[in-house]
Structures are given as C-alpha cells and as structure tokens.
Amino acid sequence: MELRHLEQVVAVCRAGGFSGAARSLRVSQPTLSKSIARLEAQLAVKLFDRSGGAARPTAYGRFIAERAEALLNGVATLTRDLEQLAH
C-alpha cells in the first residue's frame, strides 16, 4: 500500500464516486478504478460497493479512509515542518 492509494481511497469516499474523485486527483476515472481494484486484490477485501456511478465504502473502505486521513495529515505536517526547518 502506498500513500497514493490512501489518497485515492479518501478521495473516493469524499466524492462519493470514482468520477468525482478522479477529477479531484487529476487522473482519469479508468486509471483510478484500476488502481483501487489492484489495491482491493492486494488486500483481498472489497473497499467500495459500486452501483449506478456511486461508490459507497464498505466497512474496510471506511476503516482505511479514517486511518488514511490521519496518516495523510501527518505527512502534510511533516512536510511543512521540514520546509520550515530548512529555512
């Protein structure tokens, strides 16, 4: 699992679907869908219930999204702190 996967899961949860998440991440919808599908295969769990253009997170998807938000916030803080230290 990579940081980009965490960003993608959070984006799909926030957008409520792959199309909106793809726009916010500036990637194509098929690219995002394939990336999430590979992550689901790697983890051997379903992260989203897909229907009619919507994507609702499963319990696994919600769990990852909640943890991912904290991790991504930590990475952003670390990056900002390192930039300040460098100046």
C-alpha atoms as a PDB file:
ATOM      1  CA  MET A   1       0.000   0.000   0.000  1.00  0.00           C
ATOM      2  CA  GLU A   2       1.330   3.405  -0.998  1.00  0.00           C
ATOM      3  CA  LEU A   3       0.418   6.955   0.020  1.00  0.00           C
ATOM      4  CA  ARG A   4      -1.276   7.473  -3.327  1.00  0.00           C
ATOM      5  CA  HIS A   5      -3.600   4.558  -2.533  1.00  0.00           C
ATOM      6  CA  LEU A   6      -4.549   6.219   0.733  1.00  0.00           C
ATOM      7  CA  GLU A   7      -5.178   9.498  -1.083  1.00  0.00           C
ATOM      8  CA  GLN A   8      -7.323   7.669  -3.625  1.00  0.00           C
ATOM      9  CA  VAL A   9      -9.462   5.890  -1.024  1.00  0.00           C
ATOM     10  CA  VAL A  10     -10.063   9.152   0.838  1.00  0.00           C
ATOM     11  CA  ALA A  11     -10.904  10.957  -2.413  1.00  0.00           C
ATOM     12  CA  VAL A  12     -13.453   8.322  -3.468  1.00  0.00           C
ATOM     13  CA  CYS A  13     -15.081   8.467  -0.030  1.00  0.00           C
ATOM     14  CA  ARG A  14     -15.275  12.266  -0.126  1.00  0.00           C
ATOM     15  CA  ALA A  15     -16.562  12.420  -3.699  1.00  0.00           C
ATOM     16  CA  GLY A  16     -18.983   9.532  -3.335  1.00  0.00           C
ATOM     17  CA  GLY A  17     -17.790   8.058  -6.600  1.00  0.00           C
ATOM     18  CA  PHE A  18     -14.863   7.395  -8.866  1.00  0.00           C
ATOM     19  CA  SER A  19     -15.568  10.128 -11.438  1.00  0.00           C
ATOM     20  CA  GLY A  20     -15.540  12.975  -8.928  1.00  0.00           C
ATOM     21  CA  ALA A  21     -12.545  11.516  -7.127  1.00  0.00           C
ATOM     22  CA  ALA A  22     -10.656  11.165 -10.403  1.00  0.00           C
ATOM     23  CA  ARG A  23     -11.308  14.833 -11.210  1.00  0.00           C
ATOM     24  CA  SER A  24     -10.078  15.949  -7.787  1.00  0.00           C
ATOM     25  CA  LEU A  25      -6.959  13.786  -8.104  1.00  0.00           C
ATOM     26  CA  ARG A  26      -6.417  14.869 -11.720  1.00  0.00           C
ATOM     27  CA  VAL A  27      -6.310  11.326 -13.070  1.00  0.00           C
ATOM     28  CA  SER A  28      -8.612   9.505 -15.442  1.00  0.00           C
ATOM     29  CA  GLN A  29     -11.517   7.559 -13.994  1.00  0.00           C
ATOM     30  CA  PRO A  30     -10.326   4.253 -15.520  1.00  0.00           C
ATOM     31  CA  THR A  31      -6.859   4.784 -14.031  1.00  0.00           C
ATOM     32  CA  LEU A  32      -8.346   5.394 -10.585  1.00  0.00           C
ATOM     33  CA  SER A  33     -10.707   2.420 -10.870  1.00  0.00           C
ATOM     34  CA  LYS A  34      -7.857   0.108 -11.872  1.00  0.00           C
ATOM     35  CA  SER A  35      -5.664   1.373  -9.041  1.00  0.00           C
ATOM     36  CA  ILE A  36      -8.389   0.771  -6.452  1.00  0.00           C
ATOM     37  CA  ALA A  37      -9.128  -2.661  -7.957  1.00  0.00           C
ATOM     38  CA  ARG A  38      -5.427  -3.587  -7.658  1.00  0.00           C
ATOM     39  CA  LEU A  39      -5.420  -2.399  -4.041  1.00  0.00           C
ATOM     40  CA  GLU A  40      -8.533  -4.472  -3.308  1.00  0.00           C
ATOM     41  CA  ALA A  41      -6.844  -7.509  -4.850  1.00  0.00           C
ATOM     42  CA  GLN A  42      -3.661  -6.888  -2.872  1.00  0.00           C
ATOM     43  CA  LEU A  43      -5.595  -6.574   0.398  1.00  0.00           C
ATOM     44  CA  ALA A  44      -8.106  -9.310  -0.536  1.00  0.00           C
ATOM     45  CA  VAL A  45     -11.018  -7.132   0.609  1.00  0.00           C
ATOM     46  CA  LYS A  46     -13.676  -5.065  -1.145  1.00  0.00           C
ATOM     47  CA  LEU A  47     -13.285  -1.368  -0.317  1.00  0.00           C
ATOM     48  CA  PHE A  48     -16.287   0.052  -2.186  1.00  0.00           C
ATOM     49  CA  ASP A  49     -19.754  -1.048  -3.201  1.00  0.00           C
ATOM     50  CA  ARG A  50     -20.164   0.278  -6.729  1.00  0.00           C
ATOM     51  CA  SER A  51     -23.586   0.932  -8.223  1.00  0.00           C
ATOM     52  CA  GLY A  52     -25.042   3.444 -10.652  1.00  0.00           C
ATOM     53  CA  GLY A  53     -21.982   5.659 -10.726  1.00  0.00           C
ATOM     54  CA  ALA A  54     -21.807   5.847  -6.931  1.00  0.00           C
ATOM     55  CA  ALA A  55     -19.236   4.185  -4.718  1.00  0.00           C
ATOM     56  CA  ARG A  56     -20.080   3.605  -1.079  1.00  0.00           C
ATOM     57  CA  PRO A  57     -17.250   2.486   1.190  1.00  0.00           C
ATOM     58  CA  THR A  58     -17.554  -0.910   2.793  1.00  0.00           C
ATOM     59  CA  ALA A  59     -16.526  -1.341   6.426  1.00  0.00           C
ATOM     60  CA  TYR A  60     -12.991  -1.966   5.143  1.00  0.00           C
ATOM     61  CA  GLY A  61     -13.099   1.146   2.990  1.00  0.00           C
ATOM     62  CA  ARG A  62     -14.312   3.294   5.903  1.00  0.00           C
ATOM     63  CA  PHE A  63     -11.633   1.844   8.174  1.00  0.00           C
ATOM     64  CA  ILE A  64      -8.865   2.600   5.697  1.00  0.00           C
ATOM     65  CA  ALA A  65     -10.216   6.087   4.926  1.00  0.00           C
ATOM     66  CA  GLU A  66     -10.360   7.024   8.608  1.00  0.00           C
ATOM     67  CA  ARG A  67      -6.817   5.844   9.255  1.00  0.00           C
ATOM     68  CA  ALA A  68      -5.584   7.294   5.972  1.00  0.00           C
ATOM     69  CA  GLU A  69      -6.821  10.795   6.792  1.00  0.00           C
ATOM     70  CA  ALA A  70      -4.750  10.828   9.984  1.00  0.00           C
ATOM     71  CA  LEU A  71      -1.687   9.490   8.152  1.00  0.00           C
ATOM     72  CA  LEU A  72      -2.027  11.971   5.286  1.00  0.00           C
ATOM     73  CA  ASN A  73      -2.415  14.851   7.747  1.00  0.00           C
ATOM     74  CA  GLY A  74       0.739  13.649   9.483  1.00  0.00           C
ATOM     75  CA  VAL A  75       2.646  13.562   6.203  1.00  0.00           C
ATOM     76  CA  ALA A  76       1.468  17.087   5.353  1.00  0.00           C
ATOM     77  CA  THR A  77       2.562  18.322   8.794  1.00  0.00           C
ATOM     78  CA  LEU A  78       5.933  16.604   8.471  1.00  0.00           C
ATOM     79  CA  THR A  79       6.488  18.140   5.033  1.00  0.00           C
ATOM     80  CA  ARG A  80       5.559  21.616   6.281  1.00  0.00           C
ATOM     81  CA  ASP A  81       7.792  21.248   9.364  1.00  0.00           C
ATOM     82  CA  LEU A  82      10.755  20.133   7.263  1.00  0.00           C
ATOM     83  CA  GLU A  83      10.275  23.095   4.919  1.00  0.00           C
ATOM     84  CA  GLN A  84      10.244  25.466   7.877  1.00  0.00           C
ATOM     85  CA  LEU A  85      13.335  23.826   9.350  1.00  0.00           C
ATOM     86  CA  ALA A  86      15.157  24.215   6.028  1.00  0.00           C
ATOM     87  CA  HIS A  87      14.511  27.966   6.064  1.00  0.00           C
END
